[in-house]
Amino acid sequence: MKKISISAMFILSAFLLRAQIIGKSELTKTIILTDSSINRRLYLPITKGMAYIHFFFKVNVSDGGVTVNIEDPEGKQEGGFRVTADTEMEENGEKGSKGQMTHEVNFPIQGNWLILLKSKHASGTLSYEIKLN
């Protein structure tokens, strides 16, 4: 009987966690990069009936490079960009590069969308905001 109760609690907890993830309408984060090489995979569960996904990414690097890619559940690339630091000094004494991408998908395919965040020896920031409706 205890095994059934524990199993039922585990299953209920999993459903509640999934409901919290799905019900969340906005996800924002800033990653500080200090000579960092990362390879992160973020999965975004999209359920039937969602009207859109809005993606916003912003990169500012003084060294190295950052790549962002978005794939739908079928593995098709939906968007992406790369920013590589310009190593030449500007007139104001700063070096580096900036870039940003905004992308919206109307009536997205149901399933797990994949966001790939990669950097190679990058210093700077990578920020993202994802809105669901």
N, C-alpha and C. Protein backbone atom coordinates (compact mmCIF):
# COMPACT_ATOMS: atom_id res chain seq x y z
N MET A 1 0.82 -1.19 0.00
CA MET A 1 0.00 0.00 0.00
C MET A 1 0.86 1.26 0.00
N LYS A 2 1.98 1.24 0.76
CA LYS A 2 2.87 2.39 0.80
C LYS A 2 3.47 2.67 -0.57
N LYS A 3 3.82 1.61 -1.30
CA LYS A 3 4.40 1.78 -2.63
C LYS A 3 3.42 2.47 -3.57
N ILE A 4 2.15 2.10 -3.47
CA ILE A 4 1.13 2.72 -4.32
C ILE A 4 0.98 4.19 -3.96
N SER A 5 0.96 4.52 -2.68
CA SER A 5 0.83 5.92 -2.23
C SER A 5 2.02 6.75 -2.69
N ILE A 6 3.22 6.21 -2.54
CA ILE A 6 4.42 6.94 -2.96
C ILE A 6 4.41 7.13 -4.47
N SER A 7 4.04 6.09 -5.20
CA SER A 7 3.97 6.19 -6.67
C SER A 7 2.94 7.23 -7.08
N ALA A 8 1.80 7.23 -6.45
CA ALA A 8 0.74 8.19 -6.77
C ALA A 8 1.21 9.61 -6.47
N MET A 9 1.91 9.81 -5.36
CA MET A 9 2.42 11.14 -5.02
C MET A 9 3.47 11.59 -6.03
N PHE A 10 4.33 10.66 -6.46
CA PHE A 10 5.36 10.99 -7.45
C PHE A 10 4.71 11.41 -8.78
N ILE A 11 3.71 10.65 -9.22
CA ILE A 11 3.02 10.96 -10.48
C ILE A 11 2.31 12.31 -10.36
N LEU A 12 1.63 12.55 -9.25
CA LEU A 12 0.95 13.83 -9.04
C LEU A 12 1.95 14.99 -9.04
N SER A 13 3.10 14.81 -8.40
CA SER A 13 4.13 15.85 -8.38
C SER A 13 4.63 16.15 -9.78
N ALA A 14 4.81 15.12 -10.59
CA ALA A 14 5.26 15.31 -11.97
C ALA A 14 4.23 16.09 -12.76
N PHE A 15 2.96 15.77 -12.60
CA PHE A 15 1.91 16.50 -13.30
C PHE A 15 1.86 17.95 -12.86
N LEU A 16 1.99 18.21 -11.56
CA LEU A 16 1.97 19.59 -11.06
C LEU A 16 3.15 20.38 -11.58
N LEU A 17 4.34 19.76 -11.60
CA LEU A 17 5.53 20.43 -12.13
C LEU A 17 5.32 20.78 -13.60
N ARG A 18 4.80 19.83 -14.39
CA ARG A 18 4.54 20.08 -15.81
C ARG A 18 3.52 21.21 -15.96
N ALA A 19 2.49 21.23 -15.14
CA ALA A 19 1.48 22.29 -15.23
C ALA A 19 2.10 23.65 -14.93
N GLN A 20 3.04 23.70 -13.97
CA GLN A 20 3.70 24.97 -13.67
C GLN A 20 4.55 25.44 -14.84
N ILE A 21 5.26 24.51 -15.48
CA ILE A 21 6.10 24.87 -16.62
C ILE A 21 5.24 25.36 -17.78
N ILE A 22 4.17 24.61 -18.09
CA ILE A 22 3.31 24.96 -19.20
C ILE A 22 2.57 26.26 -18.93
N GLY A 23 2.12 26.45 -17.69
CA GLY A 23 1.35 27.64 -17.36
C GLY A 23 2.19 28.91 -17.30
N LYS A 24 3.48 28.78 -17.24
CA LYS A 24 4.36 29.94 -17.17
C LYS A 24 4.34 30.68 -18.49
N SER A 25 4.03 31.96 -18.47
CA SER A 25 3.88 32.69 -19.71
C SER A 25 5.14 33.44 -20.12
N GLU A 26 6.11 33.55 -19.23
CA GLU A 26 7.32 34.28 -19.57
C GLU A 26 8.53 33.67 -18.87
N LEU A 27 9.61 33.55 -19.61
CA LEU A 27 10.86 33.02 -19.08
C LEU A 27 11.97 33.99 -19.47
N THR A 28 12.66 34.55 -18.48
CA THR A 28 13.75 35.48 -18.76
C THR A 28 14.99 35.05 -17.97
N LYS A 29 16.14 35.31 -18.57
CA LYS A 29 17.40 34.97 -17.90
C LYS A 29 18.54 35.72 -18.56
N THR A 30 19.54 36.06 -17.77
CA THR A 30 20.79 36.63 -18.27
C THR A 30 21.92 35.73 -17.78
N ILE A 31 22.76 35.32 -18.71
CA ILE A 31 23.91 34.49 -18.40
C ILE A 31 25.16 35.34 -18.52
N ILE A 32 25.95 35.42 -17.47
CA ILE A 32 27.22 36.15 -17.48
C ILE A 32 28.30 35.19 -17.97
N LEU A 33 29.02 35.58 -18.98
CA LEU A 33 30.07 34.75 -19.57
C LEU A 33 31.43 35.34 -19.23
N THR A 34 32.32 34.53 -18.66
CA THR A 34 33.68 34.95 -18.35
C THR A 34 34.62 33.90 -18.93
N ASP A 35 35.11 34.16 -20.14
CA ASP A 35 35.93 33.19 -20.88
C ASP A 35 35.25 31.82 -20.82
N SER A 36 33.95 31.82 -21.10
CA SER A 36 33.12 30.63 -20.94
C SER A 36 32.87 29.90 -22.25
N SER A 37 32.90 28.59 -22.17
CA SER A 37 32.47 27.74 -23.28
C SER A 37 31.31 26.91 -22.74
N ILE A 38 30.11 27.19 -23.27
CA ILE A 38 28.91 26.49 -22.81
C ILE A 38 28.24 25.82 -23.99
N ASN A 39 27.44 24.82 -23.67
CA ASN A 39 26.62 24.13 -24.66
C ASN A 39 25.35 23.72 -23.93
N ARG A 40 24.36 24.62 -23.92
CA ARG A 40 23.12 24.37 -23.17
C ARG A 40 21.97 24.08 -24.11
N ARG A 41 21.13 23.15 -23.69
CA ARG A 41 19.94 22.78 -24.44
C ARG A 41 18.74 23.06 -23.54
N LEU A 42 17.90 23.98 -23.96
CA LEU A 42 16.69 24.30 -23.22
C LEU A 42 15.50 23.72 -23.97
N TYR A 43 14.66 22.97 -23.28
CA TYR A 43 13.47 22.40 -23.91
C TYR A 43 12.25 23.18 -23.47
N LEU A 44 11.45 23.55 -24.42
CA LEU A 44 10.25 24.35 -24.18
C LEU A 44 9.03 23.53 -24.58
N PRO A 45 8.28 22.97 -23.59
CA PRO A 45 7.13 22.14 -23.92
C PRO A 45 5.96 23.01 -24.39
N ILE A 46 5.52 22.78 -25.61
CA ILE A 46 4.41 23.54 -26.19
C ILE A 46 3.20 22.61 -26.31
N THR A 47 2.08 23.05 -25.77
CA THR A 47 0.87 22.24 -25.77
C THR A 47 -0.08 22.70 -26.88
N LYS A 48 -1.05 21.86 -27.15
CA LYS A 48 -2.05 22.14 -28.17
C LYS A 48 -2.82 23.41 -27.79
N GLY A 49 -3.05 24.25 -28.76
CA GLY A 49 -3.85 25.45 -28.54
C GLY A 49 -3.06 26.71 -28.22
N MET A 50 -1.74 26.63 -28.13
CA MET A 50 -0.96 27.85 -27.89
C MET A 50 -0.99 28.72 -29.14
N ALA A 51 -1.17 30.01 -28.93
CA ALA A 51 -1.30 30.95 -30.06
C ALA A 51 0.06 31.36 -30.62
N TYR A 52 1.05 31.58 -29.75
CA TYR A 52 2.35 32.00 -30.25
C TYR A 52 3.46 31.77 -29.23
N ILE A 53 4.70 31.78 -29.75
CA ILE A 53 5.91 31.83 -28.92
C ILE A 53 6.67 33.07 -29.41
N HIS A 54 7.07 33.91 -28.48
CA HIS A 54 7.86 35.10 -28.82
C HIS A 54 9.25 34.92 -28.20
N PHE A 55 10.28 34.95 -29.05
CA PHE A 55 11.66 34.80 -28.61
C PHE A 55 12.38 36.14 -28.73
N PHE A 56 13.18 36.50 -27.74
CA PHE A 56 14.06 37.66 -27.82
C PHE A 56 15.40 37.26 -27.19
N PHE A 57 16.47 37.44 -27.95
CA PHE A 57 17.82 37.14 -27.48
C PHE A 57 18.69 38.37 -27.69
N LYS A 58 19.58 38.62 -26.74
CA LYS A 58 20.51 39.74 -26.84
C LYS A 58 21.88 39.27 -26.36
N VAL A 59 22.91 39.55 -27.18
CA VAL A 59 24.28 39.12 -26.87
C VAL A 59 25.20 40.34 -26.92
N ASN A 60 26.09 40.42 -25.95
CA ASN A 60 27.11 41.45 -25.91
C ASN A 60 28.40 40.76 -25.49
N VAL A 61 29.37 40.63 -26.40
CA VAL A 61 30.61 39.93 -26.08
C VAL A 61 31.83 40.80 -26.37
N SER A 62 32.81 40.71 -25.47
CA SER A 62 34.08 41.41 -25.68
C SER A 62 35.13 40.46 -26.22
N ASP A 63 34.94 39.16 -26.01
CA ASP A 63 35.84 38.12 -26.51
C ASP A 63 35.01 36.90 -26.87
N GLY A 64 35.51 36.11 -27.82
CA GLY A 64 34.86 34.85 -28.17
C GLY A 64 33.62 35.02 -29.02
N GLY A 65 32.75 34.02 -28.97
CA GLY A 65 31.53 34.05 -29.78
C GLY A 65 30.39 33.31 -29.12
N VAL A 66 29.17 33.68 -29.52
CA VAL A 66 27.96 33.05 -29.00
C VAL A 66 27.06 32.70 -30.17
N THR A 67 26.47 31.50 -30.13
CA THR A 67 25.52 31.05 -31.14
C THR A 67 24.21 30.67 -30.47
N VAL A 68 23.09 31.10 -31.07
CA VAL A 68 21.75 30.77 -30.59
C VAL A 68 20.99 30.13 -31.74
N ASN A 69 20.38 28.97 -31.50
CA ASN A 69 19.55 28.31 -32.51
C ASN A 69 18.25 27.84 -31.88
N ILE A 70 17.17 27.91 -32.66
CA ILE A 70 15.85 27.45 -32.23
C ILE A 70 15.41 26.36 -33.20
N GLU A 71 14.97 25.21 -32.66
CA GLU A 71 14.46 24.13 -33.50
C GLU A 71 13.06 23.74 -33.04
N ASP A 72 12.18 23.46 -34.01
CA ASP A 72 10.84 23.00 -33.67
C ASP A 72 10.90 21.52 -33.28
N PRO A 73 9.80 20.93 -32.81
CA PRO A 73 9.83 19.53 -32.38
C PRO A 73 10.19 18.53 -33.48
N GLU A 74 10.09 18.94 -34.74
CA GLU A 74 10.45 18.07 -35.85
C GLU A 74 11.92 18.19 -36.25
N GLY A 75 12.68 19.05 -35.54
CA GLY A 75 14.10 19.22 -35.81
C GLY A 75 14.41 20.28 -36.85
N LYS A 76 13.40 20.98 -37.34
CA LYS A 76 13.60 22.04 -38.34
C LYS A 76 14.05 23.32 -37.65
N GLN A 77 15.11 23.95 -38.21
CA GLN A 77 15.59 25.20 -37.61
C GLN A 77 14.56 26.29 -37.84
N GLU A 78 14.19 26.94 -36.75
CA GLU A 78 13.17 27.98 -36.79
C GLU A 78 13.78 29.38 -36.73
N GLY A 79 15.03 29.48 -36.32
CA GLY A 79 15.70 30.77 -36.24
C GLY A 79 17.03 30.62 -35.55
N GLY A 80 17.85 31.66 -35.64
CA GLY A 80 19.13 31.63 -34.96
C GLY A 80 20.06 32.72 -35.44
N PHE A 81 21.13 32.92 -34.70
CA PHE A 81 22.15 33.90 -35.08
C PHE A 81 23.43 33.64 -34.32
N ARG A 82 24.50 34.30 -34.76
CA ARG A 82 25.82 34.16 -34.13
C ARG A 82 26.44 35.53 -33.99
N VAL A 83 27.07 35.76 -32.85
CA VAL A 83 27.82 37.00 -32.61
C VAL A 83 29.24 36.61 -32.23
N THR A 84 30.21 37.16 -32.97
CA THR A 84 31.62 36.93 -32.69
C THR A 84 32.25 38.28 -32.35
N ALA A 85 33.04 38.32 -31.30
CA ALA A 85 33.64 39.58 -30.85
C ALA A 85 34.58 40.15 -31.90
N ASP A 86 34.42 41.42 -32.16
CA ASP A 86 35.34 42.16 -33.01
C ASP A 86 36.51 42.56 -32.11
N THR A 87 37.70 42.10 -32.45
CA THR A 87 38.85 42.31 -31.55
C THR A 87 39.55 43.65 -31.78
N GLU A 88 39.10 44.41 -32.78
CA GLU A 88 39.72 45.72 -33.01
C GLU A 88 39.14 46.75 -32.05
N MET A 89 40.00 47.60 -31.53
CA MET A 89 39.60 48.63 -30.59
C MET A 89 38.84 49.73 -31.32
N GLU A 90 37.69 50.15 -30.75
CA GLU A 90 36.93 51.25 -31.32
C GLU A 90 37.48 52.58 -30.81
N GLU A 91 37.00 53.67 -31.39
CA GLU A 91 37.48 55.00 -30.99
C GLU A 91 37.24 55.28 -29.52
N ASN A 92 36.16 54.74 -28.95
CA ASN A 92 35.85 55.01 -27.54
C ASN A 92 36.64 54.09 -26.60
N GLY A 93 37.55 53.29 -27.14
CA GLY A 93 38.40 52.43 -26.32
C GLY A 93 37.80 51.08 -25.99
N GLU A 94 36.62 50.77 -26.55
CA GLU A 94 35.99 49.49 -26.29
C GLU A 94 36.18 48.54 -27.46
N LYS A 95 36.15 47.26 -27.16
CA LYS A 95 36.17 46.25 -28.22
C LYS A 95 35.03 45.29 -27.96
N GLY A 96 34.65 44.57 -28.99
CA GLY A 96 33.57 43.60 -28.83
C GLY A 96 32.48 43.78 -29.86
N SER A 97 31.43 43.01 -29.70
CA SER A 97 30.31 43.04 -30.64
C SER A 97 29.01 42.81 -29.89
N LYS A 98 27.92 43.32 -30.50
CA LYS A 98 26.58 43.16 -29.94
C LYS A 98 25.67 42.64 -31.03
N GLY A 99 24.65 41.92 -30.61
CA GLY A 99 23.66 41.44 -31.56
C GLY A 99 22.40 41.05 -30.82
N GLN A 100 21.29 41.07 -31.54
CA GLN A 100 20.04 40.64 -30.94
C GLN A 100 19.13 40.06 -32.01
N MET A 101 18.19 39.25 -31.56
CA MET A 101 17.25 38.61 -32.47
C MET A 101 15.88 38.56 -31.81
N THR A 102 14.87 38.92 -32.57
CA THR A 102 13.48 38.77 -32.15
C THR A 102 12.82 37.85 -33.16
N HIS A 103 12.08 36.87 -32.67
CA HIS A 103 11.41 35.93 -33.57
C HIS A 103 10.10 35.49 -32.94
N GLU A 104 9.05 35.47 -33.73
CA GLU A 104 7.75 35.04 -33.23
C GLU A 104 7.22 33.91 -34.11
N VAL A 105 6.67 32.90 -33.46
CA VAL A 105 6.08 31.77 -34.17
C VAL A 105 4.60 31.75 -33.81
N ASN A 106 3.74 31.91 -34.81
CA ASN A 106 2.30 31.86 -34.59
C ASN A 106 1.81 30.42 -34.75
N PHE A 107 0.95 30.00 -33.85
CA PHE A 107 0.39 28.65 -33.82
C PHE A 107 1.49 27.59 -33.93
N PRO A 108 2.39 27.56 -32.93
CA PRO A 108 3.53 26.64 -32.97
C PRO A 108 3.11 25.17 -32.94
N ILE A 109 3.96 24.34 -33.51
CA ILE A 109 3.75 22.90 -33.49
C ILE A 109 3.83 22.41 -32.05
N GLN A 110 2.93 21.53 -31.69
CA GLN A 110 2.91 20.94 -30.35
C GLN A 110 4.11 20.02 -30.17
N GLY A 111 4.72 20.08 -29.00
CA GLY A 111 5.86 19.23 -28.69
C GLY A 111 6.95 20.01 -27.99
N ASN A 112 8.13 19.41 -27.87
CA ASN A 112 9.26 20.05 -27.20
C ASN A 112 10.11 20.83 -28.20
N TRP A 113 10.10 22.13 -28.07
CA TRP A 113 10.96 23.01 -28.87
C TRP A 113 12.33 23.03 -28.20
N LEU A 114 13.37 23.16 -29.01
CA LEU A 114 14.74 23.13 -28.50
C LEU A 114 15.42 24.48 -28.77
N ILE A 115 16.02 25.02 -27.73
CA ILE A 115 16.82 26.24 -27.85
C ILE A 115 18.25 25.85 -27.51
N LEU A 116 19.15 26.05 -28.46
CA LEU A 116 20.56 25.72 -28.27
C LEU A 116 21.33 27.01 -28.01
N LEU A 117 22.04 27.05 -26.90
CA LEU A 117 22.88 28.20 -26.54
C LEU A 117 24.31 27.70 -26.46
N LYS A 118 25.17 28.26 -27.31
CA LYS A 118 26.57 27.83 -27.32
C LYS A 118 27.48 29.05 -27.26
N SER A 119 28.58 28.88 -26.56
CA SER A 119 29.61 29.92 -26.56
C SER A 119 30.97 29.25 -26.57
N LYS A 120 31.93 29.97 -27.11
CA LYS A 120 33.30 29.46 -27.14
C LYS A 120 34.23 30.57 -26.65
N HIS A 121 34.82 30.35 -25.50
CA HIS A 121 35.74 31.32 -24.88
C HIS A 121 35.16 32.73 -24.91
N ALA A 122 33.89 32.83 -24.54
CA ALA A 122 33.19 34.13 -24.62
C ALA A 122 33.20 34.85 -23.27
N SER A 123 33.32 36.16 -23.35
CA SER A 123 33.19 37.03 -22.19
C SER A 123 32.15 38.08 -22.54
N GLY A 124 31.16 38.24 -21.67
CA GLY A 124 30.08 39.19 -21.92
C GLY A 124 28.78 38.68 -21.33
N THR A 125 27.66 38.98 -22.00
CA THR A 125 26.35 38.55 -21.51
C THR A 125 25.51 37.96 -22.65
N LEU A 126 24.67 37.03 -22.27
CA LEU A 126 23.67 36.44 -23.15
C LEU A 126 22.35 36.51 -22.38
N SER A 127 21.40 37.27 -22.91
CA SER A 127 20.10 37.42 -22.26
C SER A 127 19.02 36.89 -23.18
N TYR A 128 17.99 36.31 -22.57
CA TYR A 128 16.86 35.88 -23.38
C TYR A 128 15.55 36.08 -22.63
N GLU A 129 14.49 36.25 -23.43
CA GLU A 129 13.13 36.39 -22.92
C GLU A 129 12.25 35.59 -23.87
N ILE A 130 11.46 34.69 -23.31
CA ILE A 130 10.57 33.85 -24.11
C ILE A 130 9.18 34.02 -23.53
N LYS A 131 8.22 34.40 -24.38
CA LYS A 131 6.84 34.58 -23.95
C LYS A 131 5.95 33.59 -24.68
N LEU A 132 5.03 33.00 -23.93
CA LEU A 132 4.08 32.04 -24.48
C LEU A 132 2.66 32.53 -24.29
N ASN A 133 1.82 32.23 -25.27
CA ASN A 133 0.40 32.53 -25.12
C ASN A 133 -0.40 31.53 -25.91
